[in-house]
Amino acid sequence: MIRVLIIDNHAVVRKGVLQILGDEQDMVLAGEAATGQEAILSSRDSSFNVLVLELALPDVSGLEVLKHIHGRDSNARVLVFTGYPEEQYAIRALQAGAAGYLTKDCPPEELVKAIRKVASGGQYVTLSQAEQLVARLRSGDGRPAHENLSDREYQVMCLLAAGKSVSQAAESLMLSIKSISTYRARILEKLKLRTTTEIVRYALLNNLVQ
């Protein structure tokens, strides 16, 4: 049996995934959690084959949870299943140790296929993710500037590019306004930009937001 641990802050999503698992004879629920801290504890206490992880968690970011789990056990099989589009976070998640990345607009059968692939020790990547990886290998030192941002800086950039104010970004990430302002200043410096409007333009030109 494939034991699946579900981490998502929305109860309706957890229930939906559970219903999908219920239709499969070789899958069973190993546990579930709604926050990053609960995810870290559950991953220690639960015996699971695949951890299905949302990146947008209310306390600790999914990327941080992923790094923590992978740092503790490099063999842990984590499938990111998120509302974030793959052009935003897929490559970062794979680099952090994820064995696969799916967005929540995928059909149920693709989620099942991905879980089986990850459980068997494989990597589950879509065609567009594979193309991104190939492009990165070919780009050498000519990689885009946003790849030099830390994960937290990248999160803040995406929120600002999506039209969130500094205070809204602070609320979303559960950080202080001062911290967000500091991250914004670092983003502007690293991307060689001057204003939030230019951050929005940069993100649009690089297909980081829709």
N, C-alpha and C. Protein backbone atom coordinates (compact mmCIF):
# COMPACT_ATOMS: atom_id res chain seq x y z
N MET A 1 0.84 -1.20 0.00
CA MET A 1 0.00 0.00 0.00
C MET A 1 0.87 1.26 0.00
N ILE A 2 0.42 2.26 -0.73
CA ILE A 2 1.10 3.55 -0.74
C ILE A 2 0.45 4.42 0.32
N ARG A 3 1.21 4.74 1.35
CA ARG A 3 0.69 5.56 2.45
C ARG A 3 0.98 7.03 2.15
N VAL A 4 -0.10 7.84 2.09
CA VAL A 4 0.00 9.23 1.66
C VAL A 4 -0.29 10.18 2.82
N LEU A 5 0.62 11.11 3.05
CA LEU A 5 0.44 12.16 4.06
C LEU A 5 0.08 13.45 3.34
N ILE A 6 -1.07 14.04 3.68
CA ILE A 6 -1.58 15.21 2.97
C ILE A 6 -1.35 16.47 3.82
N ILE A 7 -0.67 17.46 3.24
CA ILE A 7 -0.43 18.73 3.92
C ILE A 7 -1.07 19.85 3.10
N ASP A 8 -2.15 20.42 3.63
CA ASP A 8 -2.83 21.52 2.94
C ASP A 8 -3.65 22.29 3.95
N ASN A 9 -3.64 23.61 3.84
CA ASN A 9 -4.35 24.43 4.82
C ASN A 9 -5.85 24.53 4.55
N HIS A 10 -6.33 23.96 3.45
CA HIS A 10 -7.76 23.97 3.15
C HIS A 10 -8.35 22.58 3.38
N ALA A 11 -9.31 22.50 4.29
CA ALA A 11 -9.92 21.21 4.61
C ALA A 11 -10.61 20.59 3.40
N VAL A 12 -11.19 21.41 2.55
CA VAL A 12 -11.90 20.89 1.38
C VAL A 12 -10.92 20.22 0.41
N VAL A 13 -9.70 20.75 0.31
CA VAL A 13 -8.69 20.13 -0.56
C VAL A 13 -8.24 18.80 0.03
N ARG A 14 -8.00 18.78 1.33
CA ARG A 14 -7.60 17.53 1.97
C ARG A 14 -8.67 16.46 1.79
N LYS A 15 -9.92 16.86 1.94
CA LYS A 15 -11.02 15.91 1.77
C LYS A 15 -11.09 15.43 0.32
N GLY A 16 -10.86 16.34 -0.61
CA GLY A 16 -10.89 15.98 -2.03
C GLY A 16 -9.81 14.98 -2.38
N VAL A 17 -8.59 15.22 -1.88
CA VAL A 17 -7.50 14.29 -2.13
C VAL A 17 -7.80 12.93 -1.50
N LEU A 18 -8.38 12.97 -0.29
CA LEU A 18 -8.73 11.72 0.40
C LEU A 18 -9.74 10.92 -0.41
N GLN A 19 -10.71 11.62 -1.01
CA GLN A 19 -11.70 10.94 -1.84
C GLN A 19 -11.05 10.30 -3.07
N ILE A 20 -10.08 11.00 -3.65
CA ILE A 20 -9.35 10.45 -4.80
C ILE A 20 -8.59 9.19 -4.38
N LEU A 21 -7.94 9.25 -3.21
CA LEU A 21 -7.20 8.09 -2.72
C LEU A 21 -8.14 6.92 -2.46
N GLY A 22 -9.35 7.24 -1.99
CA GLY A 22 -10.32 6.21 -1.66
C GLY A 22 -10.75 5.37 -2.85
N ASP A 23 -10.59 5.92 -4.05
CA ASP A 23 -10.95 5.19 -5.26
C ASP A 23 -9.84 4.25 -5.73
N GLU A 24 -8.68 4.33 -5.08
CA GLU A 24 -7.53 3.52 -5.49
C GLU A 24 -7.27 2.43 -4.45
N GLN A 25 -7.16 1.20 -4.91
CA GLN A 25 -7.00 0.06 -3.99
C GLN A 25 -5.61 -0.01 -3.37
N ASP A 26 -4.64 0.69 -3.98
CA ASP A 26 -3.26 0.59 -3.47
C ASP A 26 -2.83 1.83 -2.70
N MET A 27 -3.79 2.70 -2.32
CA MET A 27 -3.44 3.93 -1.60
C MET A 27 -4.27 4.07 -0.34
N VAL A 28 -3.64 4.62 0.70
CA VAL A 28 -4.33 4.82 1.96
C VAL A 28 -3.79 6.09 2.62
N LEU A 29 -4.61 6.75 3.41
CA LEU A 29 -4.21 7.98 4.10
C LEU A 29 -3.32 7.64 5.29
N ALA A 30 -2.13 8.28 5.33
CA ALA A 30 -1.22 8.10 6.46
C ALA A 30 -1.42 9.18 7.51
N GLY A 31 -2.05 10.28 7.12
CA GLY A 31 -2.27 11.39 8.04
C GLY A 31 -2.48 12.67 7.27
N GLU A 32 -2.80 13.75 7.97
CA GLU A 32 -3.00 15.04 7.32
C GLU A 32 -2.65 16.16 8.28
N ALA A 33 -2.32 17.32 7.72
CA ALA A 33 -1.97 18.49 8.52
C ALA A 33 -2.33 19.75 7.75
N ALA A 34 -2.51 20.86 8.49
CA ALA A 34 -2.98 22.10 7.87
C ALA A 34 -1.97 23.23 7.91
N THR A 35 -0.88 23.07 8.67
CA THR A 35 0.12 24.13 8.79
C THR A 35 1.52 23.55 8.57
N GLY A 36 2.48 24.46 8.40
CA GLY A 36 3.85 24.02 8.22
C GLY A 36 4.41 23.31 9.43
N GLN A 37 4.13 23.85 10.63
CA GLN A 37 4.62 23.22 11.85
C GLN A 37 4.01 21.84 12.04
N GLU A 38 2.70 21.73 11.75
CA GLU A 38 2.05 20.42 11.85
C GLU A 38 2.64 19.45 10.83
N ALA A 39 2.98 19.98 9.65
CA ALA A 39 3.57 19.14 8.61
C ALA A 39 4.90 18.56 9.07
N ILE A 40 5.73 19.39 9.68
CA ILE A 40 7.04 18.93 10.15
C ILE A 40 6.88 17.86 11.22
N LEU A 41 5.94 18.09 12.16
CA LEU A 41 5.70 17.10 13.21
C LEU A 41 5.11 15.82 12.64
N SER A 42 4.14 15.97 11.73
CA SER A 42 3.49 14.79 11.15
C SER A 42 4.46 13.96 10.33
N SER A 43 5.38 14.64 9.64
CA SER A 43 6.35 13.90 8.83
C SER A 43 7.31 13.10 9.69
N ARG A 44 7.48 13.53 10.96
CA ARG A 44 8.33 12.78 11.89
C ARG A 44 7.58 11.59 12.47
N ASP A 45 6.29 11.83 12.78
CA ASP A 45 5.52 10.83 13.52
C ASP A 45 4.83 9.81 12.62
N SER A 46 4.58 10.16 11.36
CA SER A 46 3.81 9.29 10.48
C SER A 46 4.73 8.44 9.61
N SER A 47 4.28 7.23 9.35
CA SER A 47 4.96 6.37 8.40
C SER A 47 4.28 6.57 7.05
N PHE A 48 4.99 7.21 6.11
CA PHE A 48 4.38 7.51 4.82
C PHE A 48 5.33 7.18 3.69
N ASN A 49 4.74 6.96 2.52
CA ASN A 49 5.52 6.73 1.30
C ASN A 49 5.63 8.00 0.47
N VAL A 50 4.54 8.78 0.47
CA VAL A 50 4.52 10.04 -0.29
C VAL A 50 3.87 11.12 0.55
N LEU A 51 4.51 12.29 0.60
CA LEU A 51 3.93 13.45 1.27
C LEU A 51 3.45 14.42 0.19
N VAL A 52 2.15 14.70 0.18
CA VAL A 52 1.56 15.62 -0.78
C VAL A 52 1.49 17.00 -0.13
N LEU A 53 2.23 17.96 -0.67
CA LEU A 53 2.49 19.22 0.02
C LEU A 53 2.02 20.45 -0.74
N GLU A 54 1.22 21.28 -0.08
CA GLU A 54 0.89 22.61 -0.59
C GLU A 54 1.99 23.58 -0.16
N LEU A 55 2.36 24.51 -1.04
CA LEU A 55 3.40 25.48 -0.71
C LEU A 55 2.88 26.65 0.10
N ALA A 56 1.61 27.03 -0.11
CA ALA A 56 1.03 28.20 0.57
C ALA A 56 0.44 27.77 1.91
N LEU A 57 1.27 27.73 2.93
CA LEU A 57 0.82 27.37 4.27
C LEU A 57 0.81 28.61 5.16
N PRO A 58 -0.03 28.63 6.19
CA PRO A 58 -0.24 29.87 6.94
C PRO A 58 0.86 30.28 7.91
N ASP A 59 1.80 29.38 8.22
CA ASP A 59 2.84 29.74 9.18
C ASP A 59 4.24 29.62 8.59
N VAL A 60 4.61 28.44 8.19
CA VAL A 60 5.91 28.19 7.57
C VAL A 60 5.66 27.88 6.10
N SER A 61 6.41 28.48 5.20
CA SER A 61 6.19 28.24 3.78
C SER A 61 6.45 26.77 3.42
N GLY A 62 5.74 26.29 2.42
CA GLY A 62 5.92 24.92 1.98
C GLY A 62 7.34 24.63 1.54
N LEU A 63 8.01 25.63 0.96
CA LEU A 63 9.40 25.43 0.55
C LEU A 63 10.29 25.17 1.77
N GLU A 64 10.04 25.90 2.86
CA GLU A 64 10.81 25.69 4.08
C GLU A 64 10.52 24.32 4.67
N VAL A 65 9.24 23.91 4.63
CA VAL A 65 8.87 22.58 5.11
C VAL A 65 9.59 21.52 4.28
N LEU A 66 9.58 21.71 2.97
CA LEU A 66 10.24 20.77 2.06
C LEU A 66 11.72 20.65 2.37
N LYS A 67 12.39 21.79 2.56
CA LYS A 67 13.82 21.77 2.86
C LYS A 67 14.09 21.09 4.20
N HIS A 68 13.22 21.33 5.17
CA HIS A 68 13.39 20.72 6.49
C HIS A 68 13.27 19.20 6.40
N ILE A 69 12.23 18.74 5.71
CA ILE A 69 12.00 17.30 5.58
C ILE A 69 13.12 16.65 4.79
N HIS A 70 13.51 17.28 3.70
CA HIS A 70 14.56 16.71 2.86
C HIS A 70 15.91 16.74 3.57
N GLY A 71 16.13 17.78 4.38
CA GLY A 71 17.38 17.86 5.14
C GLY A 71 17.46 16.77 6.20
N ARG A 72 16.32 16.42 6.77
CA ARG A 72 16.28 15.37 7.80
C ARG A 72 16.35 13.98 7.18
N ASP A 73 15.71 13.83 6.02
CA ASP A 73 15.68 12.53 5.35
C ASP A 73 15.71 12.76 3.84
N SER A 74 16.88 12.61 3.25
CA SER A 74 17.03 12.89 1.82
C SER A 74 16.27 11.90 0.95
N ASN A 75 15.80 10.80 1.55
CA ASN A 75 15.03 9.81 0.79
C ASN A 75 13.53 10.04 0.87
N ALA A 76 13.09 11.03 1.64
CA ALA A 76 11.66 11.32 1.76
C ALA A 76 11.09 11.71 0.40
N ARG A 77 9.94 11.16 0.07
CA ARG A 77 9.32 11.40 -1.23
C ARG A 77 8.22 12.45 -1.07
N VAL A 78 8.44 13.62 -1.64
CA VAL A 78 7.51 14.73 -1.51
C VAL A 78 6.99 15.14 -2.88
N LEU A 79 5.67 15.17 -3.02
CA LEU A 79 5.02 15.64 -4.23
C LEU A 79 4.36 16.98 -3.92
N VAL A 80 4.84 18.05 -4.53
CA VAL A 80 4.21 19.36 -4.34
C VAL A 80 2.92 19.39 -5.14
N PHE A 81 1.82 19.73 -4.46
CA PHE A 81 0.50 19.82 -5.09
C PHE A 81 -0.08 21.16 -4.65
N THR A 82 0.01 22.15 -5.52
CA THR A 82 -0.20 23.54 -5.09
C THR A 82 -1.02 24.36 -6.07
N GLY A 83 -1.49 25.49 -5.58
CA GLY A 83 -2.19 26.43 -6.43
C GLY A 83 -1.25 27.36 -7.17
N TYR A 84 0.03 27.37 -6.78
CA TYR A 84 0.99 28.23 -7.46
C TYR A 84 1.31 27.66 -8.85
N PRO A 85 1.27 28.49 -9.89
CA PRO A 85 1.62 27.99 -11.22
C PRO A 85 3.05 27.50 -11.27
N GLU A 86 3.30 26.52 -12.12
CA GLU A 86 4.61 25.87 -12.13
C GLU A 86 5.73 26.81 -12.56
N GLU A 87 5.42 27.83 -13.37
CA GLU A 87 6.49 28.74 -13.78
C GLU A 87 7.00 29.57 -12.60
N GLN A 88 6.20 29.64 -11.53
CA GLN A 88 6.64 30.38 -10.35
C GLN A 88 7.56 29.56 -9.45
N TYR A 89 7.18 28.32 -9.15
CA TYR A 89 7.87 27.60 -8.09
C TYR A 89 8.36 26.20 -8.44
N ALA A 90 8.03 25.68 -9.60
CA ALA A 90 8.37 24.27 -9.89
C ALA A 90 9.87 24.00 -9.77
N ILE A 91 10.67 24.82 -10.43
CA ILE A 91 12.11 24.57 -10.43
C ILE A 91 12.68 24.70 -9.02
N ARG A 92 12.25 25.72 -8.28
CA ARG A 92 12.74 25.90 -6.91
C ARG A 92 12.35 24.70 -6.04
N ALA A 93 11.14 24.21 -6.21
CA ALA A 93 10.70 23.07 -5.41
C ALA A 93 11.51 21.82 -5.75
N LEU A 94 11.75 21.59 -7.02
CA LEU A 94 12.55 20.43 -7.43
C LEU A 94 13.98 20.55 -6.91
N GLN A 95 14.52 21.76 -6.94
CA GLN A 95 15.87 21.97 -6.42
C GLN A 95 15.92 21.75 -4.91
N ALA A 96 14.81 22.04 -4.23
CA ALA A 96 14.77 21.88 -2.77
C ALA A 96 14.56 20.43 -2.34
N GLY A 97 14.31 19.55 -3.31
CA GLY A 97 14.19 18.13 -2.96
C GLY A 97 12.87 17.48 -3.31
N ALA A 98 11.93 18.23 -3.89
CA ALA A 98 10.65 17.62 -4.29
C ALA A 98 10.88 16.58 -5.38
N ALA A 99 10.08 15.52 -5.33
CA ALA A 99 10.17 14.48 -6.35
C ALA A 99 9.17 14.72 -7.47
N GLY A 100 8.34 15.74 -7.31
CA GLY A 100 7.37 16.06 -8.35
C GLY A 100 6.65 17.34 -8.03
N TYR A 101 6.00 17.92 -9.04
CA TYR A 101 5.30 19.20 -8.87
C TYR A 101 4.05 19.18 -9.74
N LEU A 102 2.90 19.37 -9.11
CA LEU A 102 1.62 19.43 -9.83
C LEU A 102 0.82 20.63 -9.34
N THR A 103 0.07 21.24 -10.24
CA THR A 103 -0.85 22.31 -9.85
C THR A 103 -2.24 21.73 -9.66
N LYS A 104 -3.05 22.42 -8.88
CA LYS A 104 -4.35 21.88 -8.48
C LYS A 104 -5.40 21.88 -9.59
N ASP A 105 -5.05 22.42 -10.74
CA ASP A 105 -5.99 22.36 -11.85
C ASP A 105 -5.81 21.09 -12.69
N CYS A 106 -4.94 20.18 -12.22
CA CYS A 106 -4.73 18.93 -12.96
C CYS A 106 -5.91 17.99 -12.71
N PRO A 107 -6.17 17.05 -13.62
CA PRO A 107 -7.24 16.07 -13.41
C PRO A 107 -6.86 15.08 -12.32
N PRO A 108 -7.84 14.49 -11.63
CA PRO A 108 -7.56 13.55 -10.53
C PRO A 108 -6.64 12.40 -10.94
N GLU A 109 -6.82 11.90 -12.16
CA GLU A 109 -6.00 10.77 -12.58
C GLU A 109 -4.53 11.13 -12.70
N GLU A 110 -4.23 12.41 -12.97
CA GLU A 110 -2.83 12.81 -13.04
C GLU A 110 -2.21 12.83 -11.64
N LEU A 111 -2.99 13.25 -10.64
CA LEU A 111 -2.50 13.24 -9.27
C LEU A 111 -2.18 11.80 -8.85
N VAL A 112 -3.07 10.88 -9.16
CA VAL A 112 -2.85 9.46 -8.83
C VAL A 112 -1.59 8.94 -9.53
N LYS A 113 -1.46 9.28 -10.81
CA LYS A 113 -0.28 8.86 -11.57
C LYS A 113 0.99 9.41 -10.95
N ALA A 114 0.96 10.68 -10.54
CA ALA A 114 2.14 11.31 -9.94
C ALA A 114 2.49 10.66 -8.61
N ILE A 115 1.50 10.36 -7.79
CA ILE A 115 1.75 9.72 -6.49
C ILE A 115 2.42 8.37 -6.70
N ARG A 116 1.90 7.59 -7.64
CA ARG A 116 2.50 6.28 -7.91
C ARG A 116 3.94 6.42 -8.41
N LYS A 117 4.16 7.38 -9.28
CA LYS A 117 5.51 7.60 -9.83
C LYS A 117 6.49 7.97 -8.73
N VAL A 118 6.09 8.89 -7.87
CA VAL A 118 6.95 9.35 -6.79
C VAL A 118 7.18 8.22 -5.78
N ALA A 119 6.12 7.46 -5.47
CA ALA A 119 6.23 6.36 -4.51
C ALA A 119 7.19 5.29 -5.00
N SER A 120 7.28 5.12 -6.31
CA SER A 120 8.15 4.09 -6.89
C SER A 120 9.61 4.54 -6.96
N GLY A 121 9.87 5.78 -6.55
CA GLY A 121 11.24 6.28 -6.56
C GLY A 121 11.56 7.16 -7.74
N GLY A 122 10.56 7.44 -8.58
CA GLY A 122 10.78 8.26 -9.76
C GLY A 122 10.53 9.73 -9.51
N GLN A 123 10.78 10.52 -10.53
CA GLN A 123 10.51 11.96 -10.50
C GLN A 123 9.33 12.24 -11.43
N TYR A 124 8.40 13.07 -10.97
CA TYR A 124 7.26 13.41 -11.82
C TYR A 124 7.36 14.87 -12.22
N VAL A 125 7.68 15.11 -13.49
CA VAL A 125 7.75 16.47 -14.01
C VAL A 125 6.93 16.56 -15.28
N THR A 126 6.29 17.70 -15.48
CA THR A 126 5.53 17.92 -16.70
C THR A 126 6.47 18.31 -17.83
N LEU A 127 5.95 18.35 -19.03
CA LEU A 127 6.76 18.72 -20.19
C LEU A 127 7.33 20.12 -20.03
N SER A 128 6.51 21.06 -19.57
CA SER A 128 7.00 22.44 -19.44
C SER A 128 8.09 22.54 -18.37
N GLN A 129 7.98 21.74 -17.29
CA GLN A 129 9.02 21.73 -16.27
C GLN A 129 10.32 21.17 -16.83
N ALA A 130 10.20 20.12 -17.63
CA ALA A 130 11.38 19.54 -18.25
C ALA A 130 12.05 20.55 -19.17
N GLU A 131 11.24 21.31 -19.89
CA GLU A 131 11.80 22.33 -20.78
C GLU A 131 12.51 23.41 -19.99
N GLN A 132 11.94 23.79 -18.84
CA GLN A 132 12.59 24.79 -17.98
C GLN A 132 13.95 24.28 -17.49
N LEU A 133 13.99 23.00 -17.11
CA LEU A 133 15.24 22.42 -16.63
C LEU A 133 16.30 22.38 -17.72
N VAL A 134 15.89 21.99 -18.92
CA VAL A 134 16.82 21.95 -20.05
C VAL A 134 17.33 23.36 -20.36
N ALA A 135 16.42 24.34 -20.35
CA ALA A 135 16.82 25.72 -20.64
C ALA A 135 17.81 26.22 -19.61
N ARG A 136 17.60 25.81 -18.35
CA ARG A 136 18.52 26.25 -17.29
C ARG A 136 19.91 25.64 -17.50
N LEU A 137 19.95 24.36 -17.87
CA LEU A 137 21.24 23.70 -18.11
C LEU A 137 21.98 24.35 -19.27
N ARG A 138 21.25 24.82 -20.25
CA ARG A 138 21.87 25.42 -21.42
C ARG A 138 22.27 26.87 -21.20
N SER A 139 21.64 27.52 -20.20
CA SER A 139 21.84 28.96 -20.05
C SER A 139 23.18 29.31 -19.42
N GLY A 140 23.77 28.35 -18.66
CA GLY A 140 25.06 28.64 -18.03
C GLY A 140 24.96 29.80 -17.07
N ASP A 141 25.87 30.75 -17.19
CA ASP A 141 25.88 31.92 -16.30
C ASP A 141 24.85 32.96 -16.70
N GLY A 142 24.21 32.77 -17.83
CA GLY A 142 23.25 33.77 -18.29
C GLY A 142 21.86 33.57 -17.74
N ARG A 143 21.76 33.06 -16.51
CA ARG A 143 20.45 32.82 -15.93
C ARG A 143 19.79 34.13 -15.52
N PRO A 144 18.45 34.17 -15.47
CA PRO A 144 17.76 35.41 -15.13
C PRO A 144 18.07 35.87 -13.71
N ALA A 145 17.96 37.17 -13.50
CA ALA A 145 18.35 37.76 -12.21
C ALA A 145 17.53 37.23 -11.04
N HIS A 146 16.25 36.90 -11.27
CA HIS A 146 15.41 36.48 -10.15
C HIS A 146 15.85 35.15 -9.56
N GLU A 147 16.67 34.38 -10.27
CA GLU A 147 17.16 33.12 -9.72
C GLU A 147 18.21 33.34 -8.64
N ASN A 148 18.68 34.57 -8.52
CA ASN A 148 19.63 34.90 -7.45
C ASN A 148 18.93 35.30 -6.16
N LEU A 149 17.60 35.40 -6.19
CA LEU A 149 16.85 35.74 -4.99
C LEU A 149 16.75 34.54 -4.07
N SER A 150 16.72 34.80 -2.78
CA SER A 150 16.45 33.72 -1.83
C SER A 150 14.99 33.30 -1.99
N ASP A 151 14.62 32.17 -1.40
CA ASP A 151 13.24 31.71 -1.51
C ASP A 151 12.26 32.73 -0.92
N ARG A 152 12.63 33.31 0.20
CA ARG A 152 11.73 34.30 0.83
C ARG A 152 11.64 35.56 -0.02
N GLU A 153 12.77 36.02 -0.56
CA GLU A 153 12.75 37.18 -1.44
C GLU A 153 11.89 36.90 -2.67
N TYR A 154 12.00 35.69 -3.18
CA TYR A 154 11.21 35.32 -4.36
C TYR A 154 9.72 35.31 -4.02
N GLN A 155 9.35 34.81 -2.85
CA GLN A 155 7.96 34.83 -2.43
C GLN A 155 7.43 36.25 -2.36
N VAL A 156 8.21 37.12 -1.74
CA VAL A 156 7.79 38.53 -1.61
C VAL A 156 7.66 39.17 -2.98
N MET A 157 8.61 38.90 -3.87
CA MET A 157 8.53 39.45 -5.22
C MET A 157 7.25 39.03 -5.92
N CYS A 158 6.90 37.75 -5.81
CA CYS A 158 5.70 37.25 -6.48
C CYS A 158 4.43 37.90 -5.91
N LEU A 159 4.40 38.10 -4.61
CA LEU A 159 3.24 38.75 -3.99
C LEU A 159 3.12 40.20 -4.44
N LEU A 160 4.25 40.92 -4.44
CA LEU A 160 4.22 42.31 -4.88
C LEU A 160 3.86 42.40 -6.35
N ALA A 161 4.38 41.48 -7.15
CA ALA A 161 4.10 41.48 -8.59
C ALA A 161 2.63 41.16 -8.86
N ALA A 162 2.00 40.42 -7.94
CA ALA A 162 0.60 40.07 -8.10
C ALA A 162 -0.33 41.18 -7.63
N GLY A 163 0.26 42.30 -7.19
CA GLY A 163 -0.56 43.45 -6.79
C GLY A 163 -0.77 43.60 -5.31
N LYS A 164 -0.12 42.77 -4.49
CA LYS A 164 -0.26 42.89 -3.04
C LYS A 164 0.54 44.09 -2.53
N SER A 165 -0.01 44.78 -1.56
CA SER A 165 0.73 45.86 -0.92
C SER A 165 1.72 45.26 0.07
N VAL A 166 2.60 46.08 0.59
CA VAL A 166 3.58 45.61 1.57
C VAL A 166 2.86 45.03 2.79
N SER A 167 1.81 45.70 3.25
CA SER A 167 1.07 45.22 4.42
C SER A 167 0.34 43.91 4.11
N GLN A 168 -0.20 43.79 2.91
CA GLN A 168 -0.89 42.55 2.53
C GLN A 168 0.11 41.40 2.40
N ALA A 169 1.28 41.68 1.85
CA ALA A 169 2.31 40.65 1.75
C ALA A 169 2.75 40.21 3.14
N ALA A 170 2.88 41.18 4.04
CA ALA A 170 3.27 40.87 5.42
C ALA A 170 2.23 39.96 6.07
N GLU A 171 0.96 40.26 5.85
CA GLU A 171 -0.11 39.43 6.42
C GLU A 171 -0.10 38.04 5.81
N SER A 172 0.10 37.96 4.51
CA SER A 172 0.09 36.67 3.82
C SER A 172 1.21 35.75 4.30
N LEU A 173 2.40 36.33 4.55
CA LEU A 173 3.55 35.53 4.96
C LEU A 173 3.75 35.51 6.47
N MET A 174 2.85 36.19 7.18
CA MET A 174 2.93 36.27 8.64
C MET A 174 4.27 36.84 9.08
N LEU A 175 4.67 37.93 8.41
CA LEU A 175 5.88 38.65 8.76
C LEU A 175 5.52 40.10 9.07
N SER A 176 6.47 40.83 9.63
CA SER A 176 6.22 42.24 9.91
C SER A 176 6.34 43.06 8.64
N ILE A 177 5.71 44.23 8.64
CA ILE A 177 5.81 45.14 7.50
C ILE A 177 7.27 45.55 7.29
N LYS A 178 8.00 45.72 8.39
CA LYS A 178 9.42 46.09 8.30
C LYS A 178 10.21 45.00 7.57
N SER A 179 9.91 43.73 7.87
CA SER A 179 10.62 42.63 7.21
C SER A 179 10.34 42.62 5.72
N ILE A 180 9.07 42.83 5.35
CA ILE A 180 8.71 42.84 3.93
C ILE A 180 9.40 44.00 3.23
N SER A 181 9.46 45.14 3.88
CA SER A 181 10.13 46.29 3.29
C SER A 181 11.61 46.02 3.07
N THR A 182 12.22 45.29 4.02
CA THR A 182 13.63 44.91 3.88
C THR A 182 13.81 43.97 2.70
N TYR A 183 12.93 42.98 2.59
CA TYR A 183 13.01 42.05 1.46
C TYR A 183 12.80 42.79 0.14
N ARG A 184 11.88 43.74 0.13
CA ARG A 184 11.61 44.52 -1.08
C ARG A 184 12.87 45.27 -1.51
N ALA A 185 13.56 45.86 -0.55
CA ALA A 185 14.78 46.60 -0.85
C ALA A 185 15.85 45.67 -1.44
N ARG A 186 15.96 44.47 -0.89
CA ARG A 186 16.93 43.51 -1.41
C ARG A 186 16.56 43.07 -2.84
N ILE A 187 15.26 42.89 -3.06
CA ILE A 187 14.79 42.49 -4.39
C ILE A 187 15.14 43.56 -5.42
N LEU A 188 14.85 44.81 -5.08
CA LEU A 188 15.15 45.92 -5.99
C LEU A 188 16.64 45.98 -6.30
N GLU A 189 17.45 45.75 -5.26
CA GLU A 189 18.90 45.80 -5.46
C GLU A 189 19.38 44.67 -6.36
N LYS A 190 18.92 43.45 -6.08
CA LYS A 190 19.38 42.29 -6.84
C LYS A 190 18.89 42.31 -8.29
N LEU A 191 17.67 42.83 -8.49
CA LEU A 191 17.12 42.88 -9.85
C LEU A 191 17.47 44.17 -10.58
N LYS A 192 18.17 45.06 -9.85
CA LYS A 192 18.56 46.36 -10.41
C LYS A 192 17.33 47.14 -10.89
N LEU A 193 16.33 47.18 -10.00
CA LEU A 193 15.09 47.92 -10.27
C LEU A 193 14.95 49.04 -9.25
N ARG A 194 13.96 49.91 -9.48
CA ARG A 194 13.80 51.06 -8.60
C ARG A 194 12.47 51.11 -7.87
N THR A 195 11.42 50.55 -8.45
CA THR A 195 10.09 50.69 -7.87
C THR A 195 9.33 49.35 -7.92
N THR A 196 8.24 49.30 -7.16
CA THR A 196 7.38 48.11 -7.21
C THR A 196 6.77 47.94 -8.58
N THR A 197 6.46 49.03 -9.26
CA THR A 197 5.93 48.95 -10.62
C THR A 197 6.90 48.22 -11.54
N GLU A 198 8.18 48.49 -11.36
CA GLU A 198 9.18 47.81 -12.18
C GLU A 198 9.29 46.33 -11.81
N ILE A 199 9.01 46.00 -10.55
CA ILE A 199 8.97 44.59 -10.15
C ILE A 199 7.84 43.88 -10.89
N VAL A 200 6.68 44.53 -10.94
CA VAL A 200 5.53 43.97 -11.66
C VAL A 200 5.88 43.75 -13.13
N ARG A 201 6.49 44.74 -13.73
CA ARG A 201 6.85 44.64 -15.16
C ARG A 201 7.86 43.51 -15.37
N TYR A 202 8.83 43.42 -14.49
CA TYR A 202 9.84 42.35 -14.61
C TYR A 202 9.19 40.97 -14.51
N ALA A 203 8.28 40.82 -13.54
CA ALA A 203 7.62 39.52 -13.33
C ALA A 203 6.77 39.14 -14.54
N LEU A 204 6.09 40.12 -15.13
CA LEU A 204 5.27 39.86 -16.32
C LEU A 204 6.13 39.45 -17.50
N LEU A 205 7.25 40.16 -17.68
CA LEU A 205 8.14 39.88 -18.82
C LEU A 205 8.77 38.49 -18.69
N ASN A 206 8.94 38.02 -17.45
CA ASN A 206 9.56 36.72 -17.23
C ASN A 206 8.53 35.61 -16.93
N ASN A 207 7.26 35.94 -17.17
CA ASN A 207 6.18 34.96 -16.99
C ASN A 207 6.12 34.38 -15.59
N LEU A 208 6.38 35.22 -14.60
CA LEU A 208 6.35 34.78 -13.21
C LEU A 208 4.99 34.98 -12.57
N VAL A 209 4.17 35.80 -13.17
CA VAL A 209 2.79 36.01 -12.71
C VAL A 209 1.88 35.98 -13.93
N GLN A 210 0.60 35.71 -13.67
CA GLN A 210 -0.36 35.67 -14.76
C GLN A 210 -1.25 36.89 -14.72
